[in-house]
Amino acid sequence: MDSKVEDIRQHIHGSGSAVSFYGNSVHKKEKAIISMAKDQNQRFLLIMSPERGGVISKFSGELVGDVGMFAKKCPLNEHNAQMLKELFPWTAPISLRNRKTTIGCGDRLGLATPGHVAAVKEFEVSPVLAQQSMRELKLTGRTYGDVVSDTVYMVYQSGYKDGYGADGDHLKTIADINVALAAGMPMITLDLSEEMNADAGNWSDSEINSAYLGIKEDIRKRLEKSYFDKSFQADGISISLDSATVKRCAVMYNRALDFAAKVHEHLASNRGKEFDLEISIDETTSPTLPEHHLYIALELEYRNVEFTSLAPRFIGEFQKAIDYIGDLREFDKQFAVHAAIAKGFGNYKVSVHSGSDKFAVYPSVGRMTNMRLHVKTAGTSWLEAVRAIAVQEPALYRKMHQCSLEHLEEAKKLYHITADISKIPALNSLDDSQVPDLMNMDEARQLLHITYGSILTDSSIRPFFFEALHKHEVYYHELIKKHFEKHLSLLGVPLKKKD
């Protein structure tokens, strides 16, 4: 049999192409052995079986072999990912609503999961390994089907069986939510920015009073009876709602909360209890006041909305790719109230968006939530890929950097950064050994972060970029592992107890 396997290996890949298997991916199902493998050009699924029918026939691909041993080289497409999910249910994303600590591991490349898994398996945390927004899909040319399928293969490759989530991130319409649901994503991050009346936060009291009178009388009476000039206790902290605050909150949020209830009903009708709904109110220009957070939590409860997590807009700046900008004492003061509200009025997770690399606030975030939290990351995994290129292929990095400079202004229309790009040294002033240091510089990190779409759609860069990451995948995954271990350690996530 060993000789037949070697014959098949040579037939599929040619005598000049080295083939290797991912050891954690070798599993048997009925008579078939299914594993992830790679040659110098690509990864693929390889199935070997003594029979032509059965498991091997379920997958699409090139069948070779003869009586006694058949093999099929299977492309990493959506159909074959679906077959893996059916045969090995642990490769499919699940709801994490009962998991205390979760981390979003947004992967814009579909390549980072082994590094994420290597980090999280050491900690008491559950990963959301498939997480992308519509904006990211547009900029990278992917679909939610691609995102989930890529993760399925990487989970299988890693042999990770502890369960993971998949998040349709910052979705604003039921139509977009349906696309994520169809791809098998159990988590929906509902972005309420287009349903909220955020401008009303700056209206005068007279403008608020006028708008408030436009709300149906029975609703106004309920709000006045329930909240006017009342105090609420949240984990030992007293929060008061006066009439002016309640009126302003009603004008700002009621329509959005009604929409959240509609979305919740839609999710429940599609997935029963097997979903995670995150409420996002962070896409605003001003911080979420604790009193507003309380109002939102109380009104979601009134509408019977089951949500797993809520993302306020915190004081200070959570810009992409860099550490927290702001007064840490004031952040701690306000975050403590947000954490208390989450614990006292639903025991849901506080969600921290643009959460990667915010090392200065991590200890407080972990401590004040008692680790009942969700931290959402994405760009940091992309930047570790950029770092890998800078170290291993500096000439390619130089092309990527130049592309970023050329497309910076259009990228700034989508992402807010305050980096002074003029501080970045000219590339021709750096030798190759100095190039990787740019990934430790805030300005360069932000430049490369927000221009990922332009880089990944540049035909003179894209094929060489993915070829390089394929060649240096072990190094890339080590970078990811180390970087996420730093995130989880500073958050205070406990290490898993050894058996």
Protein backbone atom coordinates (compact mmCIF):
# COMPACT_ATOMS: atom_id res chain seq x y z
CA MET A 1 0.00 0.00 0.00
CA ASP A 2 2.85 2.40 0.78
CA SER A 3 4.21 1.95 -2.73
CA LYS A 4 0.80 2.72 -4.18
CA VAL A 5 0.59 5.92 -2.11
CA GLU A 6 3.99 6.99 -3.42
CA ASP A 7 2.94 6.18 -6.98
CA ILE A 8 -0.14 8.35 -6.51
CA ARG A 9 1.91 11.16 -5.01
CA GLN A 10 4.22 11.18 -8.02
CA HIS A 11 1.35 10.94 -10.49
CA ILE A 12 -0.57 13.87 -9.04
CA HIS A 13 2.30 16.23 -8.48
CA GLY A 14 5.09 15.19 -10.81
CA SER A 15 8.49 13.97 -9.83
CA GLY A 16 9.93 17.46 -9.50
CA SER A 17 7.36 18.80 -7.03
CA ALA A 18 7.73 18.17 -3.31
CA VAL A 19 4.51 17.21 -1.57
CA SER A 20 3.94 17.38 2.16
CA PHE A 21 1.02 16.64 4.44
CA TYR A 22 -0.23 18.64 7.40
CA GLY A 23 0.06 16.12 10.21
CA ASN A 24 -2.86 17.42 12.28
CA SER A 25 -5.18 17.10 9.30
CA VAL A 26 -4.93 13.35 8.68
CA HIS A 27 -8.27 11.77 9.59
CA LYS A 28 -10.02 8.59 8.59
CA LYS A 29 -13.68 8.44 7.61
CA GLU A 30 -15.03 5.01 6.78
CA LYS A 31 -12.38 3.57 4.43
CA ALA A 32 -10.99 6.90 3.26
CA ILE A 33 -8.06 8.90 4.61
CA ILE A 34 -8.55 12.65 4.22
CA SER A 35 -5.76 15.16 4.71
CA MET A 36 -4.62 18.62 3.79
CA ALA A 37 -1.50 18.67 1.65
CA LYS A 38 0.60 21.12 -0.28
CA ASP A 39 3.16 21.29 -3.03
CA GLN A 40 5.37 24.22 -3.94
CA ASN A 41 2.46 26.06 -5.55
CA GLN A 42 -0.71 25.42 -3.59
CA ARG A 43 -2.60 23.69 -0.80
CA PHE A 44 -5.27 21.10 -1.54
CA LEU A 45 -7.32 18.34 0.01
CA LEU A 46 -6.02 14.83 -0.67
CA ILE A 47 -8.28 11.82 -0.21
CA MET A 48 -7.07 8.24 -0.49
CA SER A 49 -9.36 5.24 -0.49
CA PRO A 50 -9.27 1.58 -1.53
CA GLU A 51 -12.58 2.09 -3.33
CA ARG A 52 -13.81 4.45 -5.99
CA GLY A 53 -17.19 5.02 -4.32
CA GLY A 54 -18.14 6.07 -0.79
CA VAL A 55 -16.49 9.06 0.85
CA ILE A 56 -14.08 9.83 -1.97
CA SER A 57 -16.95 10.19 -4.44
CA LYS A 58 -18.52 13.02 -2.42
CA PHE A 59 -15.66 15.41 -3.22
CA SER A 60 -14.89 17.13 -6.50
CA GLY A 61 -11.40 16.79 -7.89
CA GLU A 62 -8.99 14.78 -10.01
CA LEU A 63 -9.24 11.01 -9.38
CA VAL A 64 -6.20 8.83 -10.05
CA GLY A 65 -5.18 5.30 -9.16
CA ASP A 66 -6.28 1.78 -9.89
CA VAL A 67 -7.77 -1.21 -8.13
CA GLY A 68 -6.64 -1.27 -4.51
CA MET A 69 -5.88 2.43 -4.07
CA PHE A 70 -7.49 5.56 -5.43
CA ALA A 71 -6.66 9.16 -4.67
CA LYS A 72 -8.38 12.44 -5.39
CA LYS A 73 -6.69 15.82 -5.40
CA CYS A 74 -9.44 18.23 -4.40
CA PRO A 75 -9.41 22.00 -4.86
CA LEU A 76 -10.27 24.17 -1.87
CA ASN A 77 -13.70 25.23 -3.12
CA GLU A 78 -17.02 25.74 -1.35
CA HIS A 79 -18.41 22.33 -2.35
CA ASN A 80 -15.52 20.44 -0.81
CA ALA A 81 -15.66 22.61 2.31
CA GLN A 82 -19.32 21.68 2.68
CA MET A 83 -18.41 17.99 2.44
CA LEU A 84 -15.81 18.45 5.18
CA LYS A 85 -18.38 20.11 7.43
CA GLU A 86 -20.79 17.22 6.91
CA LEU A 87 -18.17 14.54 7.57
CA PHE A 88 -16.38 16.40 10.37
CA PRO A 89 -18.89 18.70 12.13
CA TRP A 90 -16.13 20.26 14.25
CA THR A 91 -14.94 22.10 11.13
CA ALA A 92 -18.20 24.08 10.92
CA PRO A 93 -18.67 27.38 12.79
CA ILE A 94 -20.99 27.39 15.80
CA SER A 95 -22.71 29.82 18.13
CA LEU A 96 -20.44 30.94 20.96
CA ARG A 97 -23.21 32.50 23.05
CA ASN A 98 -22.31 30.29 26.01
CA ARG A 99 -18.57 30.99 25.84
CA LYS A 100 -17.37 33.58 28.35
CA THR A 101 -14.39 35.09 26.52
CA THR A 102 -14.20 35.38 22.75
CA ILE A 103 -11.83 37.03 20.31
CA GLY A 104 -12.55 37.97 16.73
CA CYS A 105 -9.74 36.89 14.43
CA GLY A 106 -10.57 38.66 11.20
CA ASP A 107 -8.55 37.13 8.37
CA ARG A 108 -8.59 39.11 5.13
CA LEU A 109 -6.39 36.55 3.38
CA GLY A 110 -7.91 33.23 4.41
CA LEU A 111 -4.47 32.10 5.59
CA ALA A 112 -4.05 33.19 9.22
CA THR A 113 -6.17 30.60 11.06
CA PRO A 114 -3.35 28.16 11.96
CA GLY A 115 -1.57 31.00 13.75
CA HIS A 116 -4.74 32.05 15.53
CA VAL A 117 -5.44 28.46 16.58
CA ALA A 118 -1.89 27.96 17.83
CA ALA A 119 -2.37 30.95 20.14
CA VAL A 120 -5.92 30.45 21.40
CA LYS A 121 -5.58 26.76 22.18
CA GLU A 122 -3.28 27.72 25.06
CA PHE A 123 -5.85 30.09 26.65
CA GLU A 124 -9.38 29.98 28.06
CA VAL A 125 -10.82 31.77 25.05
CA SER A 126 -12.93 30.87 22.03
CA PRO A 127 -12.04 32.30 18.63
CA VAL A 128 -14.26 33.79 15.96
CA LEU A 129 -12.02 32.61 13.14
CA ALA A 130 -14.17 33.73 10.22
CA GLN A 131 -14.99 37.44 10.53
CA GLN A 132 -15.36 39.98 7.75
CA SER A 133 -17.40 43.08 6.99
CA MET A 134 -19.02 43.96 3.68
CA ARG A 135 -16.36 46.65 3.28
CA GLU A 136 -13.59 44.08 3.65
CA LEU A 137 -15.26 41.73 1.18
CA LYS A 138 -15.51 44.50 -1.39
CA LEU A 139 -11.89 45.55 -0.94
CA THR A 140 -10.50 42.01 -1.10
CA GLY A 141 -12.84 40.60 -3.76
CA ARG A 142 -14.05 37.77 -1.51
CA THR A 143 -17.49 36.48 -0.56
CA TYR A 144 -18.84 35.19 2.74
CA GLY A 145 -18.77 31.74 1.16
CA ASP A 146 -15.04 32.20 0.53
CA VAL A 147 -14.44 33.40 4.09
CA VAL A 148 -16.19 30.45 5.73
CA SER A 149 -14.75 27.87 3.32
CA ASP A 150 -11.20 29.15 3.79
CA THR A 151 -11.65 28.85 7.55
CA VAL A 152 -13.11 25.35 7.32
CA TYR A 153 -10.01 24.15 5.49
CA MET A 154 -7.66 25.86 7.91
CA VAL A 155 -9.51 24.45 10.93
CA TYR A 156 -9.27 20.99 9.39
CA GLN A 157 -5.60 21.57 8.60
CA SER A 158 -4.97 22.53 12.23
CA GLY A 159 -7.08 19.74 13.71
CA TYR A 160 -8.82 22.29 15.94
CA LYS A 161 -11.92 20.76 17.56
CA ASP A 162 -12.82 23.21 20.35
CA GLY A 163 -15.36 25.20 18.34
CA TYR A 164 -15.14 28.53 16.59
CA GLY A 165 -17.44 31.32 15.48
CA ALA A 166 -18.07 33.07 12.17
CA ASP A 167 -19.12 36.72 12.20
CA GLY A 168 -20.88 38.70 9.50
CA ASP A 169 -19.37 41.93 10.73
CA HIS A 170 -20.98 45.38 10.74
CA LEU A 171 -24.03 44.39 8.70
CA LYS A 172 -26.75 46.99 8.30
CA THR A 173 -29.54 45.32 6.33
CA ILE A 174 -31.45 42.07 6.46
CA ALA A 175 -30.43 41.45 2.85
CA ASP A 176 -26.76 41.48 3.83
CA ILE A 177 -27.50 39.42 6.93
CA ASN A 178 -29.12 36.79 4.72
CA VAL A 179 -25.93 36.51 2.67
CA ALA A 180 -23.96 35.80 5.84
CA LEU A 181 -26.55 33.33 7.10
CA ALA A 182 -26.53 31.48 3.78
CA ALA A 183 -22.77 31.04 4.16
CA GLY A 184 -23.30 29.44 7.57
CA MET A 185 -22.23 32.34 9.79
CA PRO A 186 -23.84 32.05 13.24
CA MET A 187 -22.75 35.49 14.47
CA ILE A 188 -24.14 38.75 13.16
CA THR A 189 -22.73 42.10 14.25
CA LEU A 190 -25.61 44.48 13.68
CA ASP A 191 -24.38 47.97 12.86
CA LEU A 192 -27.15 50.37 13.87
CA SER A 193 -25.42 53.53 12.65
CA GLU A 194 -27.84 54.05 9.76
CA GLU A 195 -30.91 53.40 11.94
CA MET A 196 -29.80 55.65 14.81
CA ASN A 197 -30.40 59.38 14.85
CA ALA A 198 -26.89 60.14 16.06
CA ASP A 199 -27.18 63.82 15.13
CA ALA A 200 -29.80 64.22 17.84
CA GLY A 201 -27.01 63.88 20.37
CA ASN A 202 -26.12 67.49 19.54
CA TRP A 203 -29.65 68.89 19.33
CA SER A 204 -30.92 71.51 21.75
CA ASP A 205 -33.41 70.53 24.45
CA SER A 206 -36.20 72.28 22.56
CA GLU A 207 -35.41 70.30 19.39
CA ILE A 208 -35.40 67.07 21.39
CA ASN A 209 -38.71 67.93 23.08
CA SER A 210 -40.29 68.63 19.72
CA ALA A 211 -39.07 65.34 18.24
CA TYR A 212 -40.05 63.44 21.38
CA LEU A 213 -43.65 64.57 21.01
CA GLY A 214 -43.63 62.86 17.61
CA ILE A 215 -43.29 59.48 19.34
CA LYS A 216 -46.56 57.62 19.91
CA GLU A 217 -48.26 58.58 23.14
CA ASP A 218 -48.44 55.06 24.57
CA ILE A 219 -44.69 54.65 24.08
CA ARG A 220 -44.01 58.00 25.74
CA LYS A 221 -46.15 57.05 28.71
CA ARG A 222 -44.30 53.77 29.12
CA LEU A 223 -40.91 55.48 28.96
CA GLU A 224 -41.95 58.16 31.44
CA LYS A 225 -43.29 55.59 33.89
CA SER A 226 -40.30 53.29 33.58
CA TYR A 227 -37.37 55.70 33.48
CA PHE A 228 -38.06 59.36 34.23
CA ASP A 229 -35.92 60.51 37.17
CA LYS A 230 -35.12 56.98 38.30
CA SER A 231 -31.86 55.46 39.45
CA PHE A 232 -30.61 52.01 38.52
CA GLN A 233 -27.99 49.94 40.31
CA ALA A 234 -25.40 48.16 38.20
CA ASP A 235 -22.82 46.09 40.05
CA GLY A 236 -22.67 48.62 42.88
CA ILE A 237 -22.72 51.67 40.60
CA SER A 238 -25.74 53.98 40.60
CA ILE A 239 -26.84 55.39 37.24
CA SER A 240 -29.61 57.99 37.05
CA LEU A 241 -31.86 58.70 34.10
CA ASP A 242 -33.47 62.13 34.16
CA SER A 243 -36.33 63.10 31.88
CA ALA A 244 -34.11 65.05 29.47
CA THR A 245 -31.76 62.08 29.00
CA VAL A 246 -34.61 59.63 28.40
CA LYS A 247 -36.19 61.92 25.81
CA ARG A 248 -32.89 62.31 24.00
CA CYS A 249 -32.27 58.56 24.05
CA ALA A 250 -35.74 57.85 22.71
CA VAL A 251 -35.21 60.23 19.81
CA MET A 252 -31.73 58.89 19.11
CA TYR A 253 -32.24 55.15 19.48
CA ASN A 254 -35.85 53.96 19.37
CA ARG A 255 -36.02 53.36 15.63
CA ALA A 256 -32.69 51.51 15.75
CA LEU A 257 -33.87 49.36 18.65
CA ASP A 258 -37.05 48.46 16.78
CA PHE A 259 -34.87 47.36 13.87
CA ALA A 260 -32.71 45.30 16.24
CA ALA A 261 -35.86 43.52 17.40
CA LYS A 262 -36.79 42.80 13.79
CA VAL A 263 -33.32 41.39 13.10
CA HIS A 264 -33.45 39.28 16.26
CA GLU A 265 -36.75 37.77 15.18
CA HIS A 266 -35.28 37.06 11.75
CA LEU A 267 -32.24 35.32 13.23
CA ALA A 268 -34.36 33.25 15.59
CA SER A 269 -36.61 32.12 12.74
CA ASN A 270 -33.55 31.06 10.74
CA ARG A 271 -31.32 29.52 13.41
CA GLY A 272 -33.43 28.95 16.51
CA LYS A 273 -31.11 29.57 19.46
CA GLU A 274 -27.94 28.87 17.48
CA PHE A 275 -26.86 32.42 16.79
CA ASP A 276 -24.91 35.27 18.35
CA LEU A 277 -26.25 38.78 17.88
CA GLU A 278 -23.89 41.63 18.62
CA ILE A 279 -25.33 45.13 18.84
CA SER A 280 -22.93 47.74 17.49
CA ILE A 281 -23.38 51.40 18.38
CA ASP A 282 -19.71 52.27 18.02
CA GLU A 283 -19.82 53.79 14.52
CA THR A 284 -20.50 57.31 15.80
CA THR A 285 -18.39 60.43 16.19
CA SER A 286 -18.91 60.79 19.94
CA PRO A 287 -18.54 58.31 22.82
CA THR A 288 -21.53 56.35 24.10
CA LEU A 289 -22.57 57.88 27.42
CA PRO A 290 -23.15 55.29 30.17
CA GLU A 291 -26.72 56.56 30.58
CA HIS A 292 -27.33 55.91 26.88
CA HIS A 293 -25.83 52.43 27.16
CA LEU A 294 -28.19 51.71 30.05
CA TYR A 295 -31.21 52.94 28.10
CA ILE A 296 -30.28 50.74 25.13
CA ALA A 297 -29.82 47.67 27.34
CA LEU A 298 -33.14 48.22 29.11
CA GLU A 299 -35.03 48.79 25.88
CA LEU A 300 -33.51 45.76 24.17
CA GLU A 301 -34.65 43.71 27.15
CA TYR A 302 -38.14 45.23 26.85
CA ARG A 303 -38.22 44.15 23.19
CA ASN A 304 -37.09 40.61 24.16
CA VAL A 305 -33.94 40.89 22.06
CA GLU A 306 -31.45 38.16 22.95
CA PHE A 307 -28.02 39.55 22.25
CA THR A 308 -24.65 38.11 23.13
CA SER A 309 -22.59 41.29 23.12
CA LEU A 310 -22.81 45.04 22.73
CA ALA A 311 -20.17 47.41 21.37
CA PRO A 312 -20.34 50.99 22.68
CA ARG A 313 -18.19 53.79 21.34
CA PHE A 314 -15.60 54.32 24.07
CA ILE A 315 -13.91 57.53 25.06
CA GLY A 316 -10.57 58.16 23.36
CA GLU A 317 -9.56 56.85 19.97
CA PHE A 318 -9.42 53.24 18.80
CA GLN A 319 -7.64 53.84 15.53
CA LYS A 320 -6.55 51.03 13.26
CA ALA A 321 -3.27 49.19 13.83
CA ILE A 322 -1.99 51.22 16.79
CA ASP A 323 -2.41 51.48 20.55
CA TYR A 324 -5.13 53.41 22.36
CA ILE A 325 -5.01 57.20 22.11
CA GLY A 326 -6.47 59.05 25.09
CA ASP A 327 -6.56 59.56 28.84
CA LEU A 328 -6.21 56.12 30.43
CA ARG A 329 -7.66 57.22 33.78
CA GLU A 330 -10.78 58.60 32.13
CA PHE A 331 -11.07 55.48 30.00
CA ASP A 332 -10.92 53.28 33.09
CA LYS A 333 -13.52 55.42 34.84
CA GLN A 334 -16.02 55.21 32.00
CA PHE A 335 -15.28 51.64 30.99
CA ALA A 336 -16.00 50.48 34.56
CA VAL A 337 -19.55 51.81 34.20
CA HIS A 338 -20.03 50.18 30.78
CA ALA A 339 -18.84 46.85 32.21
CA ALA A 340 -21.17 47.21 35.19
CA ILE A 341 -24.16 47.87 32.94
CA ALA A 342 -23.38 44.81 30.83
CA LYS A 343 -23.13 42.63 33.93
CA GLY A 344 -26.19 44.03 35.68
CA PHE A 345 -28.62 44.28 32.78
CA GLY A 346 -28.30 41.11 30.76
CA ASN A 347 -24.85 39.76 31.64
CA TYR A 348 -23.82 40.17 28.03
CA LYS A 349 -20.29 40.67 26.79
CA VAL A 350 -18.80 44.10 26.31
CA SER A 351 -17.38 44.14 22.79
CA VAL A 352 -14.30 46.16 21.92
CA HIS A 353 -14.12 47.06 18.23
CA SER A 354 -10.87 47.96 16.46
CA GLY A 355 -9.52 46.07 19.43
CA SER A 356 -6.22 44.83 18.05
CA ASP A 357 -3.02 46.32 19.40
CA LYS A 358 -4.80 48.33 22.14
CA PHE A 359 -2.33 47.04 24.67
CA ALA A 360 -2.55 50.03 27.03
CA VAL A 361 -6.20 49.36 27.90
CA TYR A 362 -6.18 45.55 27.82
CA PRO A 363 -5.47 44.98 31.53
CA SER A 364 -8.39 47.22 32.52
CA VAL A 365 -10.71 45.71 29.90
CA GLY A 366 -10.01 42.17 31.05
CA ARG A 367 -10.19 42.96 34.77
CA MET A 368 -13.32 45.11 34.72
CA THR A 369 -15.32 42.65 32.63
CA ASN A 370 -14.05 39.66 34.60
CA MET A 371 -13.16 38.31 31.15
CA ARG A 372 -16.78 38.35 29.96
CA LEU A 373 -15.91 40.17 26.77
CA HIS A 374 -15.42 40.04 23.04
CA VAL A 375 -12.43 41.71 21.39
CA LYS A 376 -12.68 42.23 17.64
CA THR A 377 -9.49 42.25 15.58
CA ALA A 378 -8.76 42.06 11.85
CA GLY A 379 -6.11 44.40 10.53
CA THR A 380 -3.44 43.15 12.89
CA SER A 381 -3.37 39.72 11.20
CA TRP A 382 -3.00 41.42 7.84
CA LEU A 383 -0.11 43.47 9.20
CA GLU A 384 1.65 40.36 10.46
CA ALA A 385 1.47 39.08 6.88
CA VAL A 386 3.00 42.37 5.76
CA ARG A 387 5.69 41.95 8.42
CA ALA A 388 6.44 38.45 7.11
CA ILE A 389 6.89 39.89 3.62
CA ALA A 390 9.08 42.72 4.93
CA VAL A 391 11.37 40.22 6.63
CA GLN A 392 11.45 37.49 4.01
CA GLU A 393 10.87 39.37 0.75
CA PRO A 394 11.89 43.02 1.26
CA ALA A 395 11.83 43.82 -2.46
CA LEU A 396 8.17 42.80 -2.60
CA TYR A 397 7.45 44.85 0.51
CA ARG A 398 8.88 47.92 -1.21
CA LYS A 399 6.36 47.50 -4.05
CA MET A 400 3.53 47.11 -1.53
CA HIS A 401 4.65 50.21 0.36
CA GLN A 402 4.74 52.28 -2.82
CA CYS A 403 1.28 51.04 -3.76
CA SER A 404 0.03 52.13 -0.33
CA LEU A 405 1.42 55.62 -0.76
CA GLU A 406 -0.25 55.94 -4.16
CA HIS A 407 -3.67 54.90 -2.84
CA LEU A 408 -3.58 56.49 0.62
CA GLU A 409 -6.02 59.31 -0.03
CA GLU A 410 -8.76 57.04 -1.37
CA ALA A 411 -8.26 54.65 1.56
CA LYS A 412 -8.65 57.53 4.04
CA LYS A 413 -12.20 57.99 2.77
CA LEU A 414 -12.99 54.58 4.29
CA TYR A 415 -10.77 54.51 7.38
CA HIS A 416 -10.03 57.25 9.91
CA ILE A 417 -6.38 57.66 10.84
CA THR A 418 -4.36 60.61 12.13
CA ALA A 419 -0.93 59.33 11.12
CA ASP A 420 1.58 61.86 9.82
CA ILE A 421 2.80 59.90 6.81
CA SER A 422 5.66 62.35 6.30
CA LYS A 423 7.35 60.79 9.33
CA ILE A 424 7.87 57.53 7.45
CA PRO A 425 11.41 57.41 6.08
CA ALA A 426 11.84 57.19 2.32
CA LEU A 427 12.29 53.58 1.27
CA ASN A 428 15.41 54.39 -0.71
CA SER A 429 17.02 55.53 2.53
CA LEU A 430 16.59 52.09 4.11
CA ASP A 431 18.55 48.95 3.41
CA ASP A 432 16.73 45.61 3.41
CA SER A 433 17.62 44.86 7.03
CA GLN A 434 15.86 48.06 8.12
CA VAL A 435 12.64 47.51 6.18
CA PRO A 436 10.97 45.22 8.79
CA ASP A 437 11.33 47.97 11.42
CA LEU A 438 8.61 49.91 9.60
CA MET A 439 6.08 47.44 11.01
CA ASN A 440 6.95 48.74 14.48
CA MET A 441 6.24 52.34 13.47
CA ASP A 442 2.69 53.64 14.01
CA GLU A 443 2.62 55.74 10.86
CA ALA A 444 3.78 52.93 8.58
CA ARG A 445 1.43 50.45 10.25
CA GLN A 446 -1.55 52.70 9.58
CA LEU A 447 -0.44 53.34 6.01
CA LEU A 448 -0.18 49.63 5.21
CA HIS A 449 -3.29 48.78 7.21
CA ILE A 450 -5.86 50.91 5.45
CA THR A 451 -4.56 50.34 1.91
CA TYR A 452 -4.86 46.54 1.96
CA GLY A 453 -7.54 46.60 -0.71
CA SER A 454 -5.34 48.39 -3.21
CA ILE A 455 -2.46 46.03 -2.54
CA LEU A 456 -4.53 42.87 -2.85
CA THR A 457 -6.15 43.96 -6.10
CA ASP A 458 -2.92 45.09 -7.76
CA SER A 459 -2.14 42.45 -10.39
CA SER A 460 1.56 43.26 -10.25
CA ILE A 461 1.64 42.46 -6.52
CA ARG A 462 -1.13 39.99 -5.66
CA PRO A 463 0.24 36.74 -7.17
CA PHE A 464 3.71 37.35 -5.78
CA PHE A 465 2.27 38.25 -2.37
CA PHE A 466 0.35 34.97 -2.05
CA GLU A 467 3.25 33.00 -3.51
CA ALA A 468 5.51 34.46 -0.83
CA LEU A 469 3.09 33.68 2.00
CA HIS A 470 2.73 30.11 0.71
CA LYS A 471 6.50 29.77 0.76
CA HIS A 472 6.86 31.35 4.21
CA GLU A 473 3.63 30.11 5.82
CA VAL A 474 5.34 28.60 8.87
CA TYR A 475 7.04 31.91 9.62
CA TYR A 476 3.79 33.83 9.09
CA HIS A 477 1.88 31.56 11.45
CA GLU A 478 4.59 31.92 14.09
CA LEU A 479 4.25 35.71 13.87
CA ILE A 480 0.47 35.45 14.28
CA LYS A 481 0.80 33.07 17.22
CA LYS A 482 3.25 35.32 19.04
CA HIS A 483 1.22 38.46 18.38
CA PHE A 484 -2.06 36.96 19.60
CA GLU A 485 -0.42 35.46 22.65
CA LYS A 486 0.60 39.03 23.54
CA HIS A 487 -3.01 40.20 23.10
CA LEU A 488 -4.46 37.42 25.24
CA SER A 489 -1.81 37.67 27.94
CA LEU A 490 -2.26 41.43 28.41
CA LEU A 491 -6.03 41.00 28.54
CA GLY A 492 -5.45 38.59 31.42
CA VAL A 493 -7.07 35.59 29.75
CA PRO A 494 -6.17 32.56 31.89
CA LEU A 495 -4.03 29.82 30.44
CA LYS A 496 -5.75 26.49 29.95
CA LYS A 497 -5.00 23.95 32.61
CA LYS A 498 -2.81 21.14 31.40
CA ASP A 499 -4.34 17.67 31.47
